[in-house]
Amino acid sequence: MTAISGISSALFAVPGGAKAARGGGGGQAASSSPPGAPAAEKDLTEEQQTQLRELKKTDAEVRTHEQAHKTAGGPYAGGIQLEYTTGPDGRRYATAGEVPIDVSPVRNNPEATITKMEVVKRAALAPQAPSPQDRAVAAQADATKAQAQTELRQSRNGEGTEGEGAETGGGGGAANDRSAARRATESYNRAASATAQPGFSFAISA
């Protein structure tokens, strides 16, 4: 699993000016209620009750969104990381979050890369309303998959032509195809090395 990228979610700010603090860990998504010291809702002003309803709604949306990424991403998805805002009732509510996802190609294995990118794309688009960042990750998965498909196709074509050349004695075409396949493989491996370092993460901001 690659490291979480430097992408940071926007912080949700309630009218009182309170902002979220970074929370962490995949277990956050499963908690039944945000931590904190609750205050009686009946003691809140009408404005505070409105703020509280918005925070509760956002909390549910963020957790559902990030859990969809996590579930669909399988072994390529990291733990859910949430950002919180303290509400007027003293509780903390999730108002932004992200899930790191490994989008690097599988070195020297375009077939495995194709399968992996299909999972990554499904994970990116798993929520009901994918964010712009989610769609960007899906687009990158498509690009990486297309590159792997090209490399695989050229490699197979080279192998097929090589066999035909051996039977007919015409090795020139096979050599050219092998050379093209080798260049495609080298290009693919360079791309794998380039993308193996940075991490990419899904993110939602309220």
N, C-alpha and C. Protein backbone atom coordinates (compact mmCIF):
# COMPACT_ATOMS: atom_id res chain seq x y z
N MET A 1 0.84 -1.19 0.00
CA MET A 1 0.00 0.00 0.00
C MET A 1 0.88 1.25 0.00
N THR A 2 0.66 2.12 -0.92
CA THR A 2 1.43 3.34 -0.97
C THR A 2 0.96 4.30 0.09
N ALA A 3 1.75 5.31 0.34
CA ALA A 3 1.42 6.27 1.38
C ALA A 3 0.25 7.14 0.97
N ILE A 4 -0.42 7.69 1.96
CA ILE A 4 -1.50 8.63 1.69
C ILE A 4 -0.91 9.87 1.04
N SER A 5 -1.60 10.39 0.05
CA SER A 5 -1.11 11.56 -0.66
C SER A 5 -1.30 12.81 0.19
N GLY A 6 -0.79 13.91 -0.31
CA GLY A 6 -0.92 15.17 0.40
C GLY A 6 -2.24 15.85 0.16
N ILE A 7 -3.18 15.17 -0.47
CA ILE A 7 -4.48 15.79 -0.72
C ILE A 7 -5.19 15.98 0.60
N SER A 8 -5.67 17.16 0.87
CA SER A 8 -6.38 17.41 2.12
C SER A 8 -7.80 17.84 1.82
N SER A 9 -8.72 17.33 2.59
CA SER A 9 -10.11 17.68 2.40
C SER A 9 -10.39 19.05 2.98
N ALA A 10 -11.36 19.75 2.40
CA ALA A 10 -11.77 21.03 2.96
C ALA A 10 -12.43 20.79 4.30
N LEU A 11 -12.34 21.73 5.18
CA LEU A 11 -12.93 21.60 6.49
C LEU A 11 -14.30 22.24 6.52
N PHE A 12 -15.23 21.56 7.13
CA PHE A 12 -16.57 22.08 7.27
C PHE A 12 -16.59 23.04 8.46
N ALA A 13 -17.10 24.21 8.26
CA ALA A 13 -17.14 25.19 9.35
C ALA A 13 -18.59 25.53 9.67
N VAL A 14 -18.96 25.39 10.91
CA VAL A 14 -20.30 25.78 11.33
C VAL A 14 -20.30 27.27 11.59
N PRO A 15 -21.47 27.92 11.63
CA PRO A 15 -21.53 29.37 11.81
C PRO A 15 -20.79 29.88 13.03
N GLY A 16 -20.55 29.01 14.02
CA GLY A 16 -19.83 29.45 15.21
C GLY A 16 -18.35 29.55 15.01
N GLY A 17 -17.84 29.09 13.84
CA GLY A 17 -16.42 29.22 13.55
C GLY A 17 -15.62 27.99 13.91
N ALA A 18 -16.23 26.95 14.50
CA ALA A 18 -15.49 25.75 14.88
C ALA A 18 -15.11 24.98 13.64
N LYS A 19 -13.92 24.40 13.66
CA LYS A 19 -13.46 23.61 12.52
C LYS A 19 -13.06 22.22 12.97
N ALA A 20 -12.89 21.39 11.97
CA ALA A 20 -12.62 19.99 12.27
C ALA A 20 -11.17 19.77 12.65
N ALA A 21 -10.95 18.69 13.41
CA ALA A 21 -9.61 18.23 13.73
C ALA A 21 -9.45 16.88 13.08
N ARG A 22 -8.25 16.59 12.59
CA ARG A 22 -8.01 15.33 11.89
C ARG A 22 -8.25 14.15 12.81
N GLY A 23 -9.04 13.20 12.33
CA GLY A 23 -9.21 11.94 13.02
C GLY A 23 -8.58 10.87 12.17
N GLY A 24 -8.44 9.66 12.66
CA GLY A 24 -7.80 8.65 11.85
C GLY A 24 -8.35 7.27 12.11
N GLY A 25 -7.99 6.36 11.19
CA GLY A 25 -8.30 4.96 11.41
C GLY A 25 -9.56 4.50 10.73
N GLY A 26 -9.50 3.27 10.19
CA GLY A 26 -10.66 2.73 9.51
C GLY A 26 -11.81 2.45 10.45
N GLY A 27 -11.54 2.28 11.78
CA GLY A 27 -12.60 1.96 12.69
C GLY A 27 -13.59 3.07 12.89
N GLN A 28 -13.23 4.29 12.52
CA GLN A 28 -14.12 5.41 12.76
C GLN A 28 -15.44 5.25 12.02
N ALA A 29 -15.39 4.63 10.85
CA ALA A 29 -16.59 4.56 10.03
C ALA A 29 -17.65 3.67 10.66
N ALA A 30 -17.21 2.77 11.55
CA ALA A 30 -18.15 1.81 12.09
C ALA A 30 -18.78 2.27 13.41
N SER A 31 -18.30 3.38 13.97
CA SER A 31 -18.83 3.80 15.26
C SER A 31 -20.27 4.27 15.10
N SER A 32 -21.08 3.97 16.11
CA SER A 32 -22.50 4.29 16.02
C SER A 32 -22.76 5.76 16.24
N SER A 33 -21.90 6.44 16.99
CA SER A 33 -22.08 7.87 17.22
C SER A 33 -20.74 8.51 17.45
N PRO A 34 -20.57 9.77 17.05
CA PRO A 34 -19.28 10.44 17.23
C PRO A 34 -18.96 10.60 18.70
N PRO A 35 -17.65 10.57 19.05
CA PRO A 35 -17.27 10.73 20.45
C PRO A 35 -17.47 12.16 20.91
N GLY A 36 -17.50 12.34 22.20
CA GLY A 36 -17.64 13.69 22.75
C GLY A 36 -18.56 13.70 23.95
N ALA A 37 -18.62 14.82 24.63
CA ALA A 37 -19.50 14.95 25.79
C ALA A 37 -20.80 15.61 25.33
N PRO A 38 -21.90 14.86 25.29
CA PRO A 38 -23.14 15.41 24.76
C PRO A 38 -23.79 16.43 25.68
N ALA A 39 -24.51 17.33 25.07
CA ALA A 39 -25.30 18.30 25.82
C ALA A 39 -26.76 18.11 25.42
N ALA A 40 -27.67 18.44 26.29
CA ALA A 40 -29.08 18.25 26.01
C ALA A 40 -29.50 19.15 24.85
N GLU A 41 -30.11 18.54 23.83
CA GLU A 41 -30.50 19.32 22.65
C GLU A 41 -31.58 20.34 22.99
N LYS A 42 -32.37 20.05 24.00
CA LYS A 42 -33.44 20.98 24.35
C LYS A 42 -32.90 22.30 24.89
N ASP A 43 -31.61 22.28 25.30
CA ASP A 43 -31.00 23.51 25.83
C ASP A 43 -30.37 24.36 24.73
N LEU A 44 -30.38 23.87 23.49
CA LEU A 44 -29.77 24.60 22.39
C LEU A 44 -30.73 25.62 21.81
N THR A 45 -30.16 26.66 21.25
CA THR A 45 -30.99 27.66 20.57
C THR A 45 -31.49 27.08 19.26
N GLU A 46 -32.42 27.74 18.63
CA GLU A 46 -32.94 27.28 17.35
C GLU A 46 -31.84 27.24 16.30
N GLU A 47 -30.97 28.25 16.32
CA GLU A 47 -29.86 28.28 15.35
C GLU A 47 -28.92 27.10 15.59
N GLN A 48 -28.63 26.81 16.85
CA GLN A 48 -27.75 25.70 17.17
C GLN A 48 -28.38 24.36 16.77
N GLN A 49 -29.67 24.24 16.94
CA GLN A 49 -30.35 23.01 16.54
C GLN A 49 -30.28 22.82 15.02
N THR A 50 -30.37 23.93 14.28
CA THR A 50 -30.24 23.86 12.83
C THR A 50 -28.82 23.40 12.45
N GLN A 51 -27.83 23.97 13.12
CA GLN A 51 -26.44 23.58 12.89
C GLN A 51 -26.26 22.09 13.18
N LEU A 52 -26.87 21.65 14.25
CA LEU A 52 -26.73 20.26 14.67
C LEU A 52 -27.34 19.31 13.65
N ARG A 53 -28.48 19.67 13.11
CA ARG A 53 -29.11 18.82 12.09
C ARG A 53 -28.22 18.71 10.86
N GLU A 54 -27.59 19.82 10.46
CA GLU A 54 -26.70 19.81 9.30
C GLU A 54 -25.46 18.94 9.57
N LEU A 55 -24.94 19.04 10.78
CA LEU A 55 -23.76 18.25 11.13
C LEU A 55 -24.09 16.75 11.13
N LYS A 56 -25.24 16.40 11.66
CA LYS A 56 -25.63 14.99 11.68
C LYS A 56 -25.81 14.46 10.26
N LYS A 57 -26.41 15.27 9.41
CA LYS A 57 -26.60 14.86 8.02
C LYS A 57 -25.27 14.67 7.32
N THR A 58 -24.36 15.63 7.52
CA THR A 58 -23.04 15.55 6.89
C THR A 58 -22.27 14.35 7.40
N ASP A 59 -22.34 14.11 8.71
CA ASP A 59 -21.65 12.98 9.32
C ASP A 59 -22.08 11.67 8.65
N ALA A 60 -23.37 11.49 8.49
CA ALA A 60 -23.88 10.25 7.87
C ALA A 60 -23.42 10.14 6.42
N GLU A 61 -23.46 11.26 5.67
CA GLU A 61 -23.07 11.23 4.27
C GLU A 61 -21.59 10.90 4.11
N VAL A 62 -20.75 11.53 4.93
CA VAL A 62 -19.31 11.31 4.84
C VAL A 62 -18.97 9.85 5.15
N ARG A 63 -19.53 9.32 6.21
CA ARG A 63 -19.23 7.95 6.61
C ARG A 63 -19.69 6.95 5.54
N THR A 64 -20.87 7.19 4.99
CA THR A 64 -21.39 6.29 3.95
C THR A 64 -20.51 6.37 2.70
N HIS A 65 -20.12 7.59 2.33
CA HIS A 65 -19.29 7.81 1.15
C HIS A 65 -17.95 7.08 1.28
N GLU A 66 -17.28 7.30 2.39
CA GLU A 66 -15.95 6.72 2.56
C GLU A 66 -16.01 5.20 2.74
N GLN A 67 -17.06 4.72 3.38
CA GLN A 67 -17.19 3.27 3.54
C GLN A 67 -17.40 2.60 2.20
N ALA A 68 -18.10 3.26 1.29
CA ALA A 68 -18.29 2.71 -0.06
C ALA A 68 -16.94 2.56 -0.76
N HIS A 69 -16.07 3.57 -0.64
CA HIS A 69 -14.72 3.47 -1.21
C HIS A 69 -13.97 2.29 -0.60
N LYS A 70 -14.00 2.23 0.72
CA LYS A 70 -13.24 1.21 1.45
C LYS A 70 -13.67 -0.19 1.06
N THR A 71 -14.98 -0.41 1.01
CA THR A 71 -15.51 -1.74 0.69
C THR A 71 -15.17 -2.15 -0.73
N ALA A 72 -15.37 -1.24 -1.68
CA ALA A 72 -15.12 -1.57 -3.09
C ALA A 72 -13.63 -1.69 -3.40
N GLY A 73 -12.79 -0.97 -2.65
CA GLY A 73 -11.36 -0.98 -2.92
C GLY A 73 -10.64 -2.24 -2.50
N GLY A 74 -11.26 -3.01 -1.62
CA GLY A 74 -10.65 -4.27 -1.20
C GLY A 74 -9.22 -4.11 -0.70
N PRO A 75 -8.30 -4.94 -1.21
CA PRO A 75 -6.92 -4.92 -0.70
C PRO A 75 -6.13 -3.68 -1.11
N TYR A 76 -6.65 -2.91 -2.05
CA TYR A 76 -5.92 -1.73 -2.52
C TYR A 76 -6.30 -0.46 -1.75
N ALA A 77 -7.29 -0.55 -0.88
CA ALA A 77 -7.74 0.62 -0.13
C ALA A 77 -7.20 0.59 1.29
N GLY A 78 -6.79 1.75 1.78
CA GLY A 78 -6.31 1.86 3.15
C GLY A 78 -7.46 2.16 4.10
N GLY A 79 -7.10 2.54 5.30
CA GLY A 79 -8.11 2.83 6.31
C GLY A 79 -8.79 4.17 6.08
N ILE A 80 -10.02 4.27 6.52
CA ILE A 80 -10.78 5.52 6.41
C ILE A 80 -10.20 6.54 7.38
N GLN A 81 -9.98 7.75 6.90
CA GLN A 81 -9.52 8.84 7.76
C GLN A 81 -10.56 9.95 7.72
N LEU A 82 -10.98 10.36 8.88
CA LEU A 82 -12.05 11.35 8.98
C LEU A 82 -11.57 12.64 9.63
N GLU A 83 -12.20 13.73 9.27
CA GLU A 83 -11.99 15.02 9.92
C GLU A 83 -13.29 15.39 10.63
N TYR A 84 -13.17 16.02 11.78
CA TYR A 84 -14.33 16.25 12.63
C TYR A 84 -14.58 17.73 12.91
N THR A 85 -15.82 18.01 13.19
CA THR A 85 -16.23 19.32 13.68
C THR A 85 -17.02 19.08 14.97
N THR A 86 -16.71 19.85 15.99
CA THR A 86 -17.45 19.74 17.24
C THR A 86 -18.74 20.55 17.13
N GLY A 87 -19.84 19.88 17.37
CA GLY A 87 -21.13 20.54 17.25
C GLY A 87 -21.51 21.29 18.51
N PRO A 88 -22.60 22.04 18.47
CA PRO A 88 -23.06 22.81 19.63
C PRO A 88 -23.48 21.91 20.80
N ASP A 89 -23.66 20.62 20.53
CA ASP A 89 -24.01 19.69 21.62
C ASP A 89 -22.79 19.07 22.26
N GLY A 90 -21.58 19.47 21.81
CA GLY A 90 -20.35 18.95 22.39
C GLY A 90 -19.84 17.68 21.75
N ARG A 91 -20.58 17.11 20.82
CA ARG A 91 -20.14 15.91 20.13
C ARG A 91 -19.31 16.27 18.89
N ARG A 92 -18.49 15.31 18.46
CA ARG A 92 -17.72 15.52 17.24
C ARG A 92 -18.41 14.78 16.09
N TYR A 93 -18.52 15.48 14.96
CA TYR A 93 -19.18 14.92 13.79
C TYR A 93 -18.21 14.90 12.61
N ALA A 94 -18.21 13.78 11.88
CA ALA A 94 -17.36 13.67 10.69
C ALA A 94 -17.89 14.63 9.62
N THR A 95 -17.00 15.49 9.13
CA THR A 95 -17.41 16.46 8.11
C THR A 95 -16.54 16.40 6.87
N ALA A 96 -15.53 15.55 6.85
CA ALA A 96 -14.70 15.32 5.67
C ALA A 96 -13.95 14.02 5.88
N GLY A 97 -13.49 13.44 4.82
CA GLY A 97 -12.76 12.19 4.96
C GLY A 97 -12.07 11.78 3.69
N GLU A 98 -11.24 10.76 3.78
CA GLU A 98 -10.55 10.24 2.61
C GLU A 98 -10.12 8.81 2.85
N VAL A 99 -9.93 8.09 1.76
CA VAL A 99 -9.45 6.71 1.80
C VAL A 99 -8.28 6.62 0.84
N PRO A 100 -7.09 6.25 1.31
CA PRO A 100 -5.96 6.09 0.39
C PRO A 100 -6.18 4.86 -0.50
N ILE A 101 -5.79 4.99 -1.76
CA ILE A 101 -5.96 3.87 -2.71
C ILE A 101 -4.69 3.70 -3.53
N ASP A 102 -4.25 2.50 -3.67
CA ASP A 102 -3.02 2.20 -4.43
C ASP A 102 -3.35 2.13 -5.91
N VAL A 103 -2.85 3.08 -6.69
CA VAL A 103 -3.14 3.11 -8.12
C VAL A 103 -1.90 2.84 -8.97
N SER A 104 -0.86 2.29 -8.36
CA SER A 104 0.36 2.01 -9.13
C SER A 104 0.20 0.73 -9.96
N PRO A 105 0.78 0.69 -11.17
CA PRO A 105 0.72 -0.53 -11.99
C PRO A 105 1.45 -1.68 -11.31
N VAL A 106 1.10 -2.90 -11.65
CA VAL A 106 1.80 -4.08 -11.17
C VAL A 106 3.00 -4.31 -12.08
N ARG A 107 4.18 -4.20 -11.54
CA ARG A 107 5.39 -4.26 -12.35
C ARG A 107 5.49 -5.58 -13.13
N ASN A 108 5.78 -5.44 -14.41
CA ASN A 108 6.00 -6.58 -15.30
C ASN A 108 4.79 -7.51 -15.42
N ASN A 109 3.62 -6.99 -15.13
CA ASN A 109 2.43 -7.84 -15.20
C ASN A 109 1.22 -7.01 -15.65
N PRO A 110 1.12 -6.73 -16.95
CA PRO A 110 0.01 -5.91 -17.43
C PRO A 110 -1.36 -6.52 -17.19
N GLU A 111 -1.46 -7.85 -17.22
CA GLU A 111 -2.75 -8.48 -16.97
C GLU A 111 -3.23 -8.20 -15.55
N ALA A 112 -2.31 -8.33 -14.60
CA ALA A 112 -2.67 -8.03 -13.20
C ALA A 112 -2.99 -6.55 -13.04
N THR A 113 -2.28 -5.71 -13.78
CA THR A 113 -2.55 -4.26 -13.72
C THR A 113 -3.95 -3.95 -14.21
N ILE A 114 -4.36 -4.59 -15.29
CA ILE A 114 -5.70 -4.36 -15.84
C ILE A 114 -6.76 -4.73 -14.80
N THR A 115 -6.59 -5.87 -14.18
CA THR A 115 -7.55 -6.31 -13.16
C THR A 115 -7.56 -5.34 -11.97
N LYS A 116 -6.38 -4.93 -11.55
CA LYS A 116 -6.26 -4.02 -10.42
C LYS A 116 -6.93 -2.68 -10.72
N MET A 117 -6.70 -2.14 -11.91
CA MET A 117 -7.28 -0.84 -12.26
C MET A 117 -8.80 -0.90 -12.34
N GLU A 118 -9.33 -2.06 -12.70
CA GLU A 118 -10.79 -2.20 -12.72
C GLU A 118 -11.35 -2.10 -11.30
N VAL A 119 -10.63 -2.69 -10.35
CA VAL A 119 -11.05 -2.59 -8.95
C VAL A 119 -10.93 -1.15 -8.45
N VAL A 120 -9.82 -0.49 -8.79
CA VAL A 120 -9.61 0.89 -8.37
C VAL A 120 -10.71 1.80 -8.90
N LYS A 121 -11.06 1.62 -10.18
CA LYS A 121 -12.11 2.46 -10.75
C LYS A 121 -13.45 2.22 -10.06
N ARG A 122 -13.77 0.95 -9.82
CA ARG A 122 -15.03 0.66 -9.13
C ARG A 122 -15.04 1.30 -7.74
N ALA A 123 -13.90 1.27 -7.07
CA ALA A 123 -13.82 1.87 -5.73
C ALA A 123 -14.00 3.39 -5.80
N ALA A 124 -13.38 3.99 -6.82
CA ALA A 124 -13.47 5.45 -6.95
C ALA A 124 -14.90 5.90 -7.20
N LEU A 125 -15.65 5.12 -7.95
CA LEU A 125 -17.01 5.52 -8.33
C LEU A 125 -18.08 4.82 -7.48
N ALA A 126 -17.66 4.16 -6.41
CA ALA A 126 -18.60 3.40 -5.59
C ALA A 126 -19.65 4.25 -4.88
N PRO A 127 -19.30 5.44 -4.35
CA PRO A 127 -20.33 6.24 -3.67
C PRO A 127 -21.43 6.68 -4.62
N GLN A 128 -22.56 6.99 -4.06
CA GLN A 128 -23.70 7.41 -4.88
C GLN A 128 -23.40 8.71 -5.63
N ALA A 129 -22.63 9.58 -4.98
CA ALA A 129 -22.28 10.86 -5.61
C ALA A 129 -20.76 11.04 -5.56
N PRO A 130 -20.01 10.49 -6.52
CA PRO A 130 -18.55 10.62 -6.51
C PRO A 130 -18.12 12.09 -6.56
N SER A 131 -17.08 12.41 -5.82
CA SER A 131 -16.55 13.76 -5.80
C SER A 131 -15.63 13.97 -7.01
N PRO A 132 -15.25 15.21 -7.31
CA PRO A 132 -14.30 15.46 -8.40
C PRO A 132 -13.00 14.66 -8.22
N GLN A 133 -12.52 14.55 -6.98
CA GLN A 133 -11.31 13.78 -6.71
C GLN A 133 -11.54 12.30 -7.03
N ASP A 134 -12.71 11.80 -6.68
CA ASP A 134 -13.03 10.40 -6.99
C ASP A 134 -12.98 10.16 -8.50
N ARG A 135 -13.57 11.08 -9.25
CA ARG A 135 -13.60 10.94 -10.71
C ARG A 135 -12.19 11.05 -11.31
N ALA A 136 -11.35 11.85 -10.69
CA ALA A 136 -9.97 11.98 -11.16
C ALA A 136 -9.21 10.66 -10.96
N VAL A 137 -9.45 10.01 -9.82
CA VAL A 137 -8.81 8.72 -9.57
C VAL A 137 -9.31 7.68 -10.57
N ALA A 138 -10.61 7.70 -10.86
CA ALA A 138 -11.18 6.76 -11.84
C ALA A 138 -10.57 6.98 -13.22
N ALA A 139 -10.38 8.25 -13.59
CA ALA A 139 -9.79 8.57 -14.89
C ALA A 139 -8.34 8.08 -14.96
N GLN A 140 -7.61 8.23 -13.87
CA GLN A 140 -6.23 7.76 -13.85
C GLN A 140 -6.18 6.23 -13.96
N ALA A 141 -7.12 5.57 -13.30
CA ALA A 141 -7.18 4.10 -13.40
C ALA A 141 -7.44 3.68 -14.84
N ASP A 142 -8.33 4.40 -15.53
CA ASP A 142 -8.61 4.11 -16.94
C ASP A 142 -7.36 4.27 -17.79
N ALA A 143 -6.60 5.35 -17.54
CA ALA A 143 -5.40 5.61 -18.33
C ALA A 143 -4.34 4.53 -18.10
N THR A 144 -4.17 4.13 -16.84
CA THR A 144 -3.20 3.09 -16.53
C THR A 144 -3.63 1.76 -17.13
N LYS A 145 -4.92 1.48 -17.09
CA LYS A 145 -5.44 0.25 -17.68
C LYS A 145 -5.21 0.23 -19.20
N ALA A 146 -5.48 1.35 -19.85
CA ALA A 146 -5.29 1.43 -21.30
C ALA A 146 -3.83 1.21 -21.67
N GLN A 147 -2.92 1.77 -20.89
CA GLN A 147 -1.50 1.59 -21.16
C GLN A 147 -1.11 0.12 -21.01
N ALA A 148 -1.66 -0.53 -19.98
CA ALA A 148 -1.36 -1.94 -19.76
C ALA A 148 -1.94 -2.80 -20.89
N GLN A 149 -3.12 -2.45 -21.37
CA GLN A 149 -3.74 -3.19 -22.48
C GLN A 149 -2.90 -3.08 -23.75
N THR A 150 -2.37 -1.89 -23.99
CA THR A 150 -1.52 -1.69 -25.17
C THR A 150 -0.26 -2.53 -25.07
N GLU A 151 0.36 -2.51 -23.91
CA GLU A 151 1.59 -3.28 -23.70
C GLU A 151 1.32 -4.77 -23.87
N LEU A 152 0.18 -5.23 -23.33
CA LEU A 152 -0.15 -6.65 -23.42
C LEU A 152 -0.44 -7.06 -24.86
N ARG A 153 -1.15 -6.21 -25.58
CA ARG A 153 -1.48 -6.50 -26.97
C ARG A 153 -0.21 -6.56 -27.83
N GLN A 154 0.68 -5.61 -27.64
CA GLN A 154 1.93 -5.60 -28.42
C GLN A 154 2.80 -6.80 -28.08
N SER A 155 2.80 -7.16 -26.82
CA SER A 155 3.61 -8.31 -26.41
C SER A 155 3.08 -9.59 -27.04
N ARG A 156 1.76 -9.74 -27.05
CA ARG A 156 1.16 -10.94 -27.65
C ARG A 156 1.35 -10.98 -29.15
N ASN A 157 1.22 -9.83 -29.79
CA ASN A 157 1.44 -9.76 -31.23
C ASN A 157 2.86 -10.14 -31.58
N GLY A 158 3.81 -9.70 -30.77
CA GLY A 158 5.20 -10.02 -31.01
C GLY A 158 5.47 -11.51 -30.89
N GLU A 159 4.84 -12.14 -29.89
CA GLU A 159 5.03 -13.57 -29.70
C GLU A 159 4.43 -14.36 -30.87
N GLY A 160 3.24 -13.91 -31.34
CA GLY A 160 2.60 -14.61 -32.44
C GLY A 160 3.39 -14.50 -33.72
N THR A 161 3.91 -13.33 -34.01
CA THR A 161 4.68 -13.12 -35.23
C THR A 161 6.01 -13.85 -35.17
N GLU A 162 6.56 -13.98 -33.98
CA GLU A 162 7.82 -14.69 -33.82
C GLU A 162 7.65 -16.14 -34.22
N GLY A 163 6.53 -16.74 -33.79
CA GLY A 163 6.29 -18.13 -34.14
C GLY A 163 6.09 -18.30 -35.63
N GLU A 164 5.39 -17.39 -36.27
CA GLU A 164 5.17 -17.47 -37.72
C GLU A 164 6.48 -17.30 -38.47
N GLY A 165 7.34 -16.41 -37.97
CA GLY A 165 8.61 -16.19 -38.64
C GLY A 165 9.51 -17.41 -38.58
N ALA A 166 9.43 -18.13 -37.45
CA ALA A 166 10.26 -19.32 -37.31
C ALA A 166 9.83 -20.39 -38.30
N GLU A 167 8.52 -20.46 -38.57
CA GLU A 167 8.03 -21.48 -39.49
C GLU A 167 8.34 -21.12 -40.94
N THR A 168 8.27 -19.87 -41.29
CA THR A 168 8.44 -19.47 -42.69
C THR A 168 9.85 -19.02 -43.01
N GLY A 169 10.66 -18.84 -41.96
CA GLY A 169 12.03 -18.39 -42.20
C GLY A 169 12.12 -16.90 -42.34
N GLY A 170 11.02 -16.17 -42.22
CA GLY A 170 11.05 -14.71 -42.35
C GLY A 170 11.12 -14.08 -40.99
N GLY A 171 12.30 -13.94 -40.43
CA GLY A 171 12.44 -13.44 -39.07
C GLY A 171 12.47 -11.94 -38.95
N GLY A 172 12.54 -11.20 -40.07
CA GLY A 172 12.67 -9.75 -39.97
C GLY A 172 11.47 -9.10 -39.32
N GLY A 173 10.25 -9.52 -39.76
CA GLY A 173 9.04 -8.94 -39.18
C GLY A 173 8.92 -9.27 -37.71
N ALA A 174 9.28 -10.50 -37.34
CA ALA A 174 9.20 -10.91 -35.94
C ALA A 174 10.14 -10.08 -35.08
N ALA A 175 11.34 -9.83 -35.62
CA ALA A 175 12.31 -9.04 -34.87
C ALA A 175 11.78 -7.63 -34.61
N ASN A 176 11.14 -7.07 -35.63
CA ASN A 176 10.58 -5.72 -35.46
C ASN A 176 9.47 -5.71 -34.42
N ASP A 177 8.63 -6.76 -34.45
CA ASP A 177 7.54 -6.82 -33.48
C ASP A 177 8.08 -7.03 -32.08
N ARG A 178 9.11 -7.88 -31.97
CA ARG A 178 9.70 -8.09 -30.65
C ARG A 178 10.30 -6.80 -30.12
N SER A 179 10.93 -6.05 -31.02
CA SER A 179 11.52 -4.78 -30.62
C SER A 179 10.44 -3.81 -30.14
N ALA A 180 9.31 -3.78 -30.85
CA ALA A 180 8.20 -2.90 -30.46
C ALA A 180 7.64 -3.33 -29.12
N ALA A 181 7.51 -4.64 -28.93
CA ALA A 181 6.98 -5.14 -27.66
C ALA A 181 7.92 -4.81 -26.52
N ARG A 182 9.23 -4.93 -26.80
CA ARG A 182 10.21 -4.63 -25.76
C ARG A 182 10.15 -3.16 -25.37
N ARG A 183 10.01 -2.30 -26.40
CA ARG A 183 9.92 -0.87 -26.10
C ARG A 183 8.66 -0.55 -25.30
N ALA A 184 7.56 -1.24 -25.63
CA ALA A 184 6.32 -1.02 -24.90
C ALA A 184 6.47 -1.46 -23.45
N THR A 185 7.16 -2.60 -23.26
CA THR A 185 7.37 -3.10 -21.91
C THR A 185 8.22 -2.13 -21.09
N GLU A 186 9.29 -1.63 -21.72
CA GLU A 186 10.15 -0.68 -21.02
C GLU A 186 9.38 0.58 -20.65
N SER A 187 8.54 1.06 -21.57
CA SER A 187 7.74 2.25 -21.29
C SER A 187 6.76 1.99 -20.15
N TYR A 188 6.16 0.80 -20.17
CA TYR A 188 5.21 0.42 -19.13
C TYR A 188 5.90 0.36 -17.78
N ASN A 189 7.10 -0.24 -17.73
CA ASN A 189 7.81 -0.36 -16.46
C ASN A 189 8.27 0.99 -15.93
N ARG A 190 8.61 1.91 -16.87
CA ARG A 190 8.96 3.25 -16.42
C ARG A 190 7.76 3.93 -15.77
N ALA A 191 6.59 3.70 -16.36
CA ALA A 191 5.36 4.28 -15.79
C ALA A 191 5.08 3.66 -14.43
N ALA A 192 5.34 2.37 -14.30
CA ALA A 192 5.12 1.71 -13.01
C ALA A 192 6.03 2.29 -11.94
N SER A 193 7.30 2.53 -12.32
CA SER A 193 8.24 3.11 -11.36
C SER A 193 7.85 4.52 -10.99
N ALA A 194 7.34 5.27 -11.97
CA ALA A 194 6.99 6.67 -11.72
C ALA A 194 5.80 6.80 -10.79
N THR A 195 4.88 5.84 -10.87
CA THR A 195 3.66 5.96 -10.07
C THR A 195 3.71 5.14 -8.79
N ALA A 196 4.80 4.42 -8.57
CA ALA A 196 4.86 3.59 -7.38
C ALA A 196 5.12 4.40 -6.12
N GLN A 197 5.68 5.58 -6.26
CA GLN A 197 6.04 6.35 -5.09
C GLN A 197 4.89 7.14 -4.47
N PRO A 198 4.24 8.06 -5.23
CA PRO A 198 3.20 8.85 -4.59
C PRO A 198 1.94 8.03 -4.38
N GLY A 199 1.17 8.38 -3.36
CA GLY A 199 -0.10 7.72 -3.14
C GLY A 199 -1.20 8.61 -3.65
N PHE A 200 -2.34 8.03 -3.91
CA PHE A 200 -3.49 8.79 -4.34
C PHE A 200 -4.63 8.44 -3.42
N SER A 201 -5.43 9.39 -3.05
CA SER A 201 -6.50 9.10 -2.12
C SER A 201 -7.81 9.68 -2.60
N PHE A 202 -8.87 9.00 -2.22
CA PHE A 202 -10.19 9.53 -2.45
C PHE A 202 -10.43 10.60 -1.40
N ALA A 203 -11.24 11.55 -1.69
CA ALA A 203 -11.53 12.58 -0.69
C ALA A 203 -12.92 13.12 -0.92
N ILE A 204 -13.58 13.45 0.16
CA ILE A 204 -14.86 14.13 0.08
C ILE A 204 -14.81 15.35 0.98
N SER A 205 -15.34 16.43 0.55
CA SER A 205 -15.40 17.60 1.41
C SER A 205 -16.82 18.11 1.44
N ALA A 206 -17.25 18.49 2.62
CA ALA A 206 -18.63 18.94 2.78
C ALA A 206 -18.73 20.44 2.58
